[in-house]
Amino acid sequence: MAEEPYVPHPIDTSDVKLDELKPLLEQLARNAHEVWAQKRLEDGWTLGPQRDDAKRKHPCLVPYDQLPDSEKEYDRALVNQTLKTTIALGYRVVNLETRPQKELPKDDSPDDDMDDSADILEFSKKVEAGKKEYEPLLNALMLSQEVIFPEFQEADQDAKKYRKEYQNTSQAAVWFGVAAIFLGLYETVYPYWSPEWVEYLEFSFALLCLASILAGVLSKPKEHWLLARYRAEKLRLLKFKTIMDTQYWCVNSGETKHPGEGQADELRARVKARVATLRAMVYQDLEERTVEGVVPDVSDIQCSENYSESLREIIKYYCGKRIRAQMSYLANAEKSDGAGAHLLVTIVFFVAFGCILLHSGLDLLRYPGIGVLITAAVMGPAFVAGIKTYIASRESARNALRHRATLRSLQALDEEMVKTENLPEKFRIAQACELVLEFDASEFMRLLREVEWYG
């Protein structure tokens, strides 16, 4: 039986454009020639006027710039197709040295402690230069950047989007309701001075308030906001727990496990499984998760002294990227404590209470024209409800006291970290910091779940 002729089926790259990668294309073509030439020279080939396989002579064993254009085009075509295939398969090519860094608002998340692209570039160069003590940290960061960071970005952006939607919906419901109450009081207190259009306007505001409430109930922005924020904060904790996991960079045998070797593969699988679990969560899971409590990590370092320098670099990274970044964020968040809004609530309350007292006194004296005092007294609580809803929807303002307490704890631990030179002790302090931050995240979610929907 005759065999069917082989028909190649390469990946379709016809729609892939490399306009922005032309400089990279030329660099890769040049490098392809250098790699080819190096292998030929190692195999005993030398420069010759024409190719002679028997004598191992080749005319292209010259610098790339001295190659004929036909040979350069051959190298360019090779790397061009490789790049196109890479992009067609869904991968991206990003220049980490020129990519603009994302700026995050201070009240949403700490200084960018999740994006390690610049650190990976820096540590890669150090490892290439022979500084092997950076290799365990580099491996952990690459795992985090590949598996955790994309999921964190998505969750963080979703949290910001749904929080804004919740703020707009809840504020609309409250203030349309306040406007309807005001107009209703106006008609009640001053029935002879109320034109007919006031009644229609009151009814319109009441309908808009009802529509805002229904929109919030149906679209569930609060639930989506809290779920996305929970995922983002858990992914943040997962990143630093992964970096501090001694199984990734230190084993009893004293040999570092690189990605693709035993324990590193197991850790990668665990991280992916944890990320998948967080992605599959629904809002109903939050109640159970927020009362789970925090279990401290009591593991100790089981490494030989050979890994002291690797541990030193990991702790140095942790102090800058985790502790100091969180302290900076918390210090800024502590200032956004909503003190002005709380003061306004207090003032409005006592003004409304004063209006009630004044109304009672004037009513006993049969003083005419006191309807305005009744209006002010009733409008006060409605106005307070609007302010409280605004405060409740702001993450930083609602958690100001918790921010302050966490900041004080981290400052104390940071001072201990600076004082000691003992690496195992520094490692245990880092574990304590993670415990503080994990408890902080749990309390953060518990408080946000109590956010008032309508004030």
Protein backbone atom coordinates (compact mmCIF):
# COMPACT_ATOMS: atom_id res chain seq x y z
CA MET A 1 0.00 0.00 0.00
CA ALA A 2 1.52 3.30 -1.12
CA GLU A 3 2.12 5.87 1.60
CA GLU A 4 0.36 9.18 1.27
CA PRO A 5 2.70 12.04 0.37
CA TYR A 6 3.70 14.29 3.27
CA VAL A 7 1.90 17.66 3.20
CA PRO A 8 3.38 20.31 5.54
CA HIS A 9 0.92 22.40 7.60
CA PRO A 10 2.84 25.32 9.12
CA ILE A 11 1.11 27.71 11.53
CA ASP A 12 -0.67 30.49 9.67
CA THR A 13 1.19 33.75 10.31
CA SER A 14 -0.27 35.77 7.43
CA ASP A 15 -2.06 38.20 9.76
CA VAL A 16 0.94 38.82 12.03
CA LYS A 17 2.70 42.17 11.59
CA LEU A 18 6.19 42.87 12.94
CA ASP A 19 6.42 46.60 12.24
CA GLU A 20 7.33 47.49 15.84
CA LEU A 21 9.83 44.63 16.08
CA LYS A 22 12.03 45.46 13.09
CA PRO A 23 15.00 46.52 15.28
CA LEU A 24 14.67 43.26 17.20
CA LEU A 25 14.43 41.32 13.93
CA GLU A 26 17.82 42.61 12.79
CA GLN A 27 19.42 41.87 16.17
CA LEU A 28 18.09 38.31 16.10
CA ALA A 29 19.30 37.79 12.53
CA ARG A 30 22.75 38.99 13.54
CA ASN A 31 22.72 36.70 16.58
CA ALA A 32 21.57 33.73 14.50
CA HIS A 33 24.63 34.21 12.31
CA GLU A 34 26.90 34.51 15.36
CA VAL A 35 25.51 31.27 16.85
CA TRP A 36 25.91 29.45 13.53
CA ALA A 37 29.47 30.74 13.05
CA GLN A 38 30.48 29.85 16.61
CA LYS A 39 29.27 26.26 16.16
CA ARG A 40 31.10 25.94 12.82
CA LEU A 41 34.37 27.19 14.29
CA GLU A 42 34.02 24.83 17.24
CA ASP A 43 33.59 21.97 14.77
CA GLY A 44 36.84 22.87 13.00
CA TRP A 45 35.54 24.88 10.05
CA THR A 46 37.58 27.80 8.68
CA LEU A 47 37.11 30.61 6.20
CA GLY A 48 37.42 29.66 2.56
CA PRO A 49 36.60 31.18 -0.85
CA GLN A 50 33.80 28.66 -1.37
CA ARG A 51 32.04 25.94 0.59
CA ASP A 52 33.98 22.67 0.82
CA ASP A 53 32.45 20.13 3.22
CA ALA A 54 35.43 17.77 2.95
CA LYS A 55 37.96 20.46 3.91
CA ARG A 56 35.48 22.23 6.22
CA LYS A 57 35.76 25.56 4.43
CA HIS A 58 32.97 28.13 4.30
CA PRO A 59 32.88 31.65 2.80
CA CYS A 60 30.35 32.96 5.38
CA LEU A 61 32.61 32.64 8.42
CA VAL A 62 32.91 36.41 8.55
CA PRO A 63 31.23 39.11 10.71
CA TYR A 64 27.55 39.65 9.94
CA ASP A 65 28.16 43.08 8.40
CA GLN A 66 30.48 41.48 5.79
CA LEU A 67 27.94 38.90 4.65
CA PRO A 68 26.40 39.23 1.19
CA ASP A 69 22.81 40.52 1.22
CA SER A 70 21.48 37.12 0.16
CA GLU A 71 22.90 35.49 3.32
CA LYS A 72 21.60 38.29 5.52
CA GLU A 73 18.12 37.83 4.02
CA TYR A 74 18.31 34.11 4.78
CA ASP A 75 18.98 34.85 8.48
CA ARG A 76 16.26 37.53 8.56
CA ALA A 77 13.70 35.21 6.98
CA LEU A 78 14.49 32.51 9.53
CA VAL A 79 14.03 34.71 12.63
CA ASN A 80 11.14 36.59 10.99
CA GLN A 81 9.15 33.39 10.69
CA THR A 82 10.11 32.35 14.24
CA LEU A 83 8.89 35.67 15.66
CA LYS A 84 5.65 35.53 13.68
CA THR A 85 4.96 32.00 14.86
CA THR A 86 5.64 33.02 18.48
CA ILE A 87 3.09 35.84 18.25
CA ALA A 88 0.58 33.70 16.36
CA LEU A 89 0.70 31.21 19.24
CA GLY A 90 -0.42 33.94 21.65
CA TYR A 91 2.87 35.04 23.19
CA ARG A 92 4.00 38.65 23.50
CA VAL A 93 7.38 40.26 22.94
CA VAL A 94 7.92 43.16 25.37
CA ASN A 95 10.99 45.34 25.87
CA LEU A 96 11.25 45.55 29.65
CA GLU A 97 13.77 48.40 29.50
CA THR A 98 11.51 50.76 27.55
CA ARG A 99 8.05 49.66 28.70
CA PRO A 100 6.38 52.44 30.71
CA GLN A 101 5.65 51.53 34.30
CA LYS A 102 2.03 51.58 35.39
CA GLU A 103 1.13 54.21 37.99
CA LEU A 104 -1.48 53.18 40.53
CA PRO A 105 -3.59 55.53 42.65
CA LYS A 106 -2.37 55.65 46.23
CA ASP A 107 -5.75 54.75 47.68
CA ASP A 108 -6.19 51.57 45.62
CA SER A 109 -3.06 49.51 46.14
CA PRO A 110 0.47 49.92 47.44
CA ASP A 111 3.40 50.99 45.32
CA ASP A 112 3.58 48.46 42.53
CA ASP A 113 4.79 45.48 44.54
CA MET A 114 3.39 42.95 42.08
CA ASP A 115 5.05 43.80 38.75
CA ASP A 116 8.59 42.36 38.84
CA SER A 117 9.51 42.88 35.19
CA ALA A 118 12.26 45.39 36.03
CA ASP A 119 13.59 43.20 38.86
CA ILE A 120 13.65 40.13 36.61
CA LEU A 121 15.64 42.04 34.02
CA GLU A 122 18.12 43.25 36.66
CA PHE A 123 18.57 39.85 38.32
CA SER A 124 18.84 38.07 34.95
CA LYS A 125 21.82 40.24 34.08
CA LYS A 126 23.41 39.48 37.45
CA VAL A 127 22.93 35.72 37.02
CA GLU A 128 24.39 35.91 33.51
CA ALA A 129 27.37 37.72 35.04
CA GLY A 130 27.97 34.71 37.29
CA LYS A 131 26.23 35.89 40.50
CA LYS A 132 24.44 32.63 41.20
CA GLU A 133 23.14 33.82 44.57
CA TYR A 134 20.41 35.67 42.67
CA GLU A 135 19.20 32.58 40.83
CA PRO A 136 16.71 31.26 43.45
CA LEU A 137 15.09 34.71 43.75
CA LEU A 138 15.03 35.10 39.97
CA ASN A 139 13.32 31.72 39.55
CA ALA A 140 10.66 32.60 42.14
CA LEU A 141 10.00 36.00 40.56
CA MET A 142 9.69 34.47 37.10
CA LEU A 143 7.13 31.98 38.42
CA SER A 144 5.17 34.78 40.09
CA GLN A 145 5.33 37.02 37.01
CA GLU A 146 4.14 34.20 34.75
CA VAL A 147 1.41 32.61 36.88
CA ILE A 148 0.27 35.13 39.51
CA PHE A 149 0.78 38.62 38.11
CA PRO A 150 -1.60 38.38 35.09
CA GLU A 151 -4.39 37.11 37.36
CA PHE A 152 -3.66 39.87 39.89
CA GLN A 153 -3.85 42.56 37.20
CA GLU A 154 -7.24 41.31 36.06
CA ALA A 155 -8.63 41.08 39.60
CA ASP A 156 -7.25 44.48 40.62
CA GLN A 157 -8.73 46.22 37.58
CA ASP A 158 -12.08 44.48 38.12
CA ALA A 159 -12.11 45.61 41.76
CA LYS A 160 -11.55 49.24 40.76
CA LYS A 161 -14.19 49.06 38.03
CA TYR A 162 -16.88 47.51 40.23
CA ARG A 163 -16.07 49.77 43.18
CA LYS A 164 -16.64 52.80 40.94
CA GLU A 165 -19.91 51.28 39.73
CA TYR A 166 -20.99 50.66 43.33
CA GLN A 167 -20.10 54.22 44.33
CA ASN A 168 -22.06 55.72 41.45
CA THR A 169 -25.11 53.49 41.99
CA SER A 170 -25.30 53.90 45.77
CA GLN A 171 -24.72 57.64 45.62
CA ALA A 172 -27.41 58.04 42.96
CA ALA A 173 -29.89 56.06 45.07
CA VAL A 174 -29.19 58.13 48.19
CA TRP A 175 -29.17 61.60 46.64
CA PHE A 176 -32.21 61.05 44.44
CA GLY A 177 -33.95 59.83 47.59
CA VAL A 178 -32.80 62.90 49.54
CA ALA A 179 -34.12 65.18 46.78
CA ALA A 180 -37.51 63.38 46.81
CA ILE A 181 -37.73 63.68 50.62
CA PHE A 182 -36.88 67.38 50.49
CA LEU A 183 -39.56 68.12 47.90
CA GLY A 184 -42.09 66.02 49.82
CA LEU A 185 -41.37 68.00 53.01
CA TYR A 186 -41.57 71.25 51.12
CA GLU A 187 -45.05 70.37 49.86
CA THR A 188 -46.14 69.30 53.34
CA VAL A 189 -44.80 72.36 55.19
CA TYR A 190 -45.70 74.92 52.52
CA PRO A 191 -48.76 73.49 50.72
CA TYR A 192 -49.94 76.92 49.48
CA TRP A 193 -46.54 77.84 48.02
CA SER A 194 -45.96 74.63 46.08
CA PRO A 195 -46.60 74.81 42.32
CA GLU A 196 -47.86 71.68 40.57
CA TRP A 197 -44.51 70.94 38.91
CA VAL A 198 -42.92 70.33 42.34
CA GLU A 199 -45.12 67.26 42.78
CA TYR A 200 -44.04 65.87 39.39
CA LEU A 201 -40.41 66.60 40.18
CA GLU A 202 -40.72 64.79 43.52
CA PHE A 203 -42.24 61.78 41.76
CA SER A 204 -39.43 61.81 39.18
CA PHE A 205 -36.72 61.83 41.86
CA ALA A 206 -38.47 58.97 43.66
CA LEU A 207 -38.55 56.93 40.44
CA LEU A 208 -34.86 57.64 39.80
CA CYS A 209 -34.05 56.53 43.35
CA LEU A 210 -36.00 53.31 42.83
CA ALA A 211 -34.30 52.74 39.46
CA SER A 212 -30.85 53.16 41.06
CA ILE A 213 -31.73 50.68 43.78
CA LEU A 214 -32.98 48.13 41.27
CA ALA A 215 -29.86 48.61 39.13
CA GLY A 216 -27.68 47.93 42.16
CA VAL A 217 -29.69 44.89 43.22
CA LEU A 218 -29.64 43.35 39.74
CA SER A 219 -26.06 44.15 38.70
CA LYS A 220 -24.59 43.46 42.20
CA PRO A 221 -21.62 45.87 41.93
CA LYS A 222 -20.82 45.55 45.64
CA GLU A 223 -20.57 41.75 45.45
CA HIS A 224 -18.42 41.89 42.31
CA TRP A 225 -16.20 44.57 43.88
CA LEU A 226 -15.56 42.64 47.09
CA LEU A 227 -14.96 39.34 45.29
CA ALA A 228 -12.44 40.92 42.90
CA ARG A 229 -10.68 42.73 45.75
CA TYR A 230 -10.49 39.50 47.76
CA ARG A 231 -8.92 37.70 44.81
CA ALA A 232 -6.40 40.49 44.25
CA GLU A 233 -5.29 40.59 47.88
CA LYS A 234 -5.06 36.80 48.13
CA LEU A 235 -2.93 36.75 44.96
CA ARG A 236 -0.67 39.38 46.51
CA LEU A 237 -0.25 37.17 49.58
CA LEU A 238 0.33 34.14 47.37
CA LYS A 239 3.15 35.88 45.51
CA PHE A 240 5.17 36.68 48.62
CA LYS A 241 4.38 33.34 50.23
CA THR A 242 5.80 31.69 47.12
CA ILE A 243 8.96 33.81 47.22
CA MET A 244 9.50 33.03 50.90
CA ASP A 245 8.80 29.30 50.44
CA THR A 246 12.05 27.56 51.31
CA GLN A 247 11.11 24.52 49.21
CA TYR A 248 11.59 26.58 46.08
CA TRP A 249 15.15 27.71 46.66
CA CYS A 250 16.48 25.52 49.44
CA VAL A 251 16.40 21.77 50.15
CA ASN A 252 18.07 19.49 52.66
CA SER A 253 20.46 18.16 50.11
CA GLY A 254 21.88 21.62 49.57
CA GLU A 255 20.98 21.68 45.88
CA THR A 256 18.83 24.40 44.42
CA LYS A 257 15.87 23.10 42.49
CA HIS A 258 15.38 24.98 39.25
CA PRO A 259 12.02 25.15 37.46
CA GLY A 260 11.52 21.79 35.85
CA GLU A 261 13.24 19.86 38.64
CA GLY A 262 11.28 17.95 41.26
CA GLN A 263 10.22 20.27 44.07
CA ALA A 264 10.07 23.35 41.84
CA ASP A 265 7.59 21.54 39.60
CA GLU A 266 5.52 20.62 42.64
CA LEU A 267 5.50 24.23 43.86
CA ARG A 268 4.56 25.50 40.40
CA ALA A 269 1.67 23.03 40.33
CA ARG A 270 0.52 24.16 43.81
CA VAL A 271 0.66 27.84 42.82
CA LYS A 272 -1.33 27.19 39.65
CA ALA A 273 -3.89 25.18 41.63
CA ARG A 274 -4.26 27.99 44.17
CA VAL A 275 -4.68 30.57 41.42
CA ALA A 276 -7.32 28.36 39.76
CA THR A 277 -9.17 28.04 43.09
CA LEU A 278 -9.27 31.82 43.54
CA ARG A 279 -10.50 32.30 39.98
CA ALA A 280 -13.33 29.81 40.55
CA MET A 281 -14.58 31.55 43.71
CA VAL A 282 -18.05 33.10 43.89
CA TYR A 283 -19.31 35.76 46.30
CA GLN A 284 -21.04 33.20 48.52
CA ASP A 285 -17.59 31.76 49.34
CA LEU A 286 -16.45 35.07 50.87
CA GLU A 287 -18.39 34.75 54.12
CA GLU A 288 -16.73 31.43 54.89
CA ARG A 289 -13.28 32.60 53.78
CA THR A 290 -13.35 35.84 55.80
CA VAL A 291 -13.93 33.93 59.06
CA GLU A 292 -11.31 31.26 58.40
CA GLY A 293 -8.75 32.99 60.57
CA VAL A 294 -5.03 33.14 59.90
CA VAL A 295 -2.71 30.17 60.42
CA PRO A 296 0.91 31.25 61.06
CA ASP A 297 3.71 29.69 59.04
CA VAL A 298 6.03 28.09 61.58
CA SER A 299 8.39 26.46 59.08
CA ASP A 300 12.09 26.99 59.63
CA ILE A 301 15.03 27.15 57.26
CA GLN A 302 16.49 23.74 56.52
CA CYS A 303 19.35 24.95 54.31
CA SER A 304 23.08 24.57 54.49
CA GLU A 305 25.30 27.60 54.95
CA ASN A 306 25.94 27.51 51.19
CA TYR A 307 22.65 29.27 50.67
CA SER A 308 23.14 32.17 53.05
CA GLU A 309 23.84 34.60 50.21
CA SER A 310 20.72 33.51 48.32
CA LEU A 311 18.66 33.98 51.49
CA ARG A 312 20.26 37.39 52.03
CA GLU A 313 19.17 38.54 48.56
CA ILE A 314 15.64 37.21 49.04
CA ILE A 315 15.27 39.04 52.36
CA LYS A 316 16.72 42.21 50.84
CA TYR A 317 14.16 42.02 48.04
CA TYR A 318 11.36 41.29 50.54
CA CYS A 319 12.22 44.25 52.74
CA GLY A 320 12.14 46.70 49.84
CA LYS A 321 9.33 45.28 47.75
CA ARG A 322 7.03 44.13 50.52
CA ILE A 323 7.63 45.76 53.90
CA ARG A 324 8.70 49.26 52.79
CA ALA A 325 6.14 49.36 49.97
CA GLN A 326 3.32 48.40 52.35
CA MET A 327 4.51 50.90 54.95
CA SER A 328 4.52 53.67 52.33
CA TYR A 329 1.02 52.71 51.18
CA LEU A 330 -0.35 52.48 54.73
CA ALA A 331 1.19 55.83 55.69
CA ASN A 332 -0.61 57.48 52.77
CA ALA A 333 -3.83 55.57 53.39
CA GLU A 334 -3.77 56.55 57.07
CA LYS A 335 -4.07 60.19 56.00
CA SER A 336 -7.23 59.39 54.00
CA ASP A 337 -9.14 58.63 57.17
CA GLY A 338 -12.32 60.48 56.18
CA ALA A 339 -12.00 62.72 59.26
CA GLY A 340 -13.54 65.66 57.40
CA ALA A 341 -16.55 63.62 56.34
CA HIS A 342 -17.01 62.24 59.87
CA LEU A 343 -16.84 65.77 61.27
CA LEU A 344 -19.46 66.89 58.76
CA VAL A 345 -21.73 64.04 59.86
CA THR A 346 -21.38 65.15 63.49
CA ILE A 347 -22.12 68.78 62.62
CA VAL A 348 -25.20 67.87 60.58
CA PHE A 349 -26.49 65.65 63.39
CA PHE A 350 -26.23 68.37 66.03
CA VAL A 351 -27.66 71.01 63.69
CA ALA A 352 -30.67 68.75 63.05
CA PHE A 353 -31.00 68.09 66.80
CA GLY A 354 -30.73 71.83 67.47
CA CYS A 355 -33.50 72.50 64.97
CA ILE A 356 -35.75 70.04 66.82
CA LEU A 357 -35.07 71.77 70.16
CA LEU A 358 -35.57 75.20 68.66
CA HIS A 359 -38.78 74.09 66.95
CA SER A 360 -40.12 72.67 70.23
CA GLY A 361 -39.35 75.88 72.08
CA LEU A 362 -40.89 78.16 69.45
CA ASP A 363 -43.92 75.90 69.14
CA LEU A 364 -44.59 76.28 72.87
CA LEU A 365 -44.42 80.04 72.39
CA ARG A 366 -46.82 79.76 69.42
CA TYR A 367 -44.20 81.41 67.19
CA PRO A 368 -45.32 81.45 63.55
CA GLY A 369 -43.25 80.37 60.53
CA ILE A 370 -41.30 77.51 62.04
CA GLY A 371 -41.83 75.03 59.18
CA VAL A 372 -38.29 75.58 57.96
CA LEU A 373 -36.98 74.15 61.24
CA ILE A 374 -38.98 70.96 60.73
CA THR A 375 -37.60 70.66 57.20
CA ALA A 376 -34.00 71.10 58.40
CA ALA A 377 -34.45 68.59 61.23
CA VAL A 378 -35.84 65.90 58.93
CA MET A 379 -33.37 66.54 56.12
CA GLY A 380 -30.40 66.16 58.46
CA PRO A 381 -30.57 62.34 58.80
CA ALA A 382 -31.14 61.98 55.04
CA PHE A 383 -28.05 64.09 54.34
CA VAL A 384 -26.06 62.05 56.86
CA ALA A 385 -27.09 58.85 55.06
CA GLY A 386 -25.59 60.20 51.85
CA ILE A 387 -22.30 61.09 53.55
CA LYS A 388 -22.10 57.69 55.26
CA THR A 389 -22.64 55.91 51.96
CA TYR A 390 -19.78 57.89 50.43
CA ILE A 391 -17.48 57.04 53.35
CA ALA A 392 -18.46 53.37 53.23
CA SER A 393 -17.58 53.01 49.55
CA ARG A 394 -14.05 54.33 50.04
CA GLU A 395 -11.67 51.50 50.97
CA SER A 396 -9.06 53.69 52.70
CA ALA A 397 -11.41 55.87 54.70
CA ARG A 398 -13.34 52.90 56.05
CA ASN A 399 -10.17 51.09 57.09
CA ALA A 400 -8.16 54.04 58.45
CA LEU A 401 -7.79 52.70 62.01
CA ARG A 402 -6.84 49.27 60.72
CA HIS A 403 -4.27 50.88 58.42
CA ARG A 404 -2.79 52.69 61.40
CA ALA A 405 -2.54 49.54 63.51
CA THR A 406 -0.95 47.53 60.68
CA LEU A 407 1.52 50.32 59.97
CA ARG A 408 2.65 50.38 63.61
CA SER A 409 3.15 46.59 63.57
CA LEU A 410 5.21 46.70 60.37
CA GLN A 411 7.32 49.59 61.65
CA ALA A 412 8.17 47.62 64.78
CA LEU A 413 9.06 44.51 62.78
CA ASP A 414 11.09 46.57 60.31
CA GLU A 415 13.12 47.99 63.19
CA GLU A 416 13.83 44.43 64.41
CA MET A 417 14.81 43.43 60.87
CA VAL A 418 17.36 46.25 60.71
CA LYS A 419 18.81 45.47 64.14
CA THR A 420 19.58 41.79 63.63
CA GLU A 421 22.30 40.38 61.38
CA ASN A 422 21.19 36.79 61.89
CA LEU A 423 19.66 35.51 58.63
CA PRO A 424 17.35 32.85 60.17
CA GLU A 425 16.08 35.56 62.55
CA LYS A 426 15.46 37.91 59.60
CA PHE A 427 13.57 35.10 57.89
CA ARG A 428 11.33 34.60 60.93
CA ILE A 429 10.67 38.36 61.09
CA ALA A 430 9.63 38.23 57.42
CA GLN A 431 7.26 35.38 58.27
CA ALA A 432 5.80 37.53 61.07
CA CYS A 433 5.30 40.39 58.60
CA GLU A 434 3.38 38.08 56.28
CA LEU A 435 1.21 36.98 59.21
CA VAL A 436 0.42 40.63 60.04
CA LEU A 437 -0.41 41.40 56.40
CA GLU A 438 -2.54 38.27 55.98
CA PHE A 439 -4.54 39.15 59.08
CA ASP A 440 -4.80 42.72 57.78
CA ALA A 441 -6.21 41.47 54.46
CA SER A 442 -8.73 39.26 56.27
CA GLU A 443 -9.90 42.13 58.49
CA PHE A 444 -9.97 44.41 55.44
CA MET A 445 -12.48 42.11 53.72
CA ARG A 446 -14.56 41.67 56.87
CA LEU A 447 -15.00 45.43 57.21
CA LEU A 448 -15.80 45.92 53.54
CA ARG A 449 -18.47 43.22 53.66
CA GLU A 450 -20.26 45.39 56.22
CA VAL A 451 -20.46 48.33 53.80
CA GLU A 452 -23.93 49.86 53.95
CA TRP A 453 -25.79 49.63 50.67
CA TYR A 454 -28.07 52.65 51.08
CA GLY A 455 -26.29 54.47 53.89
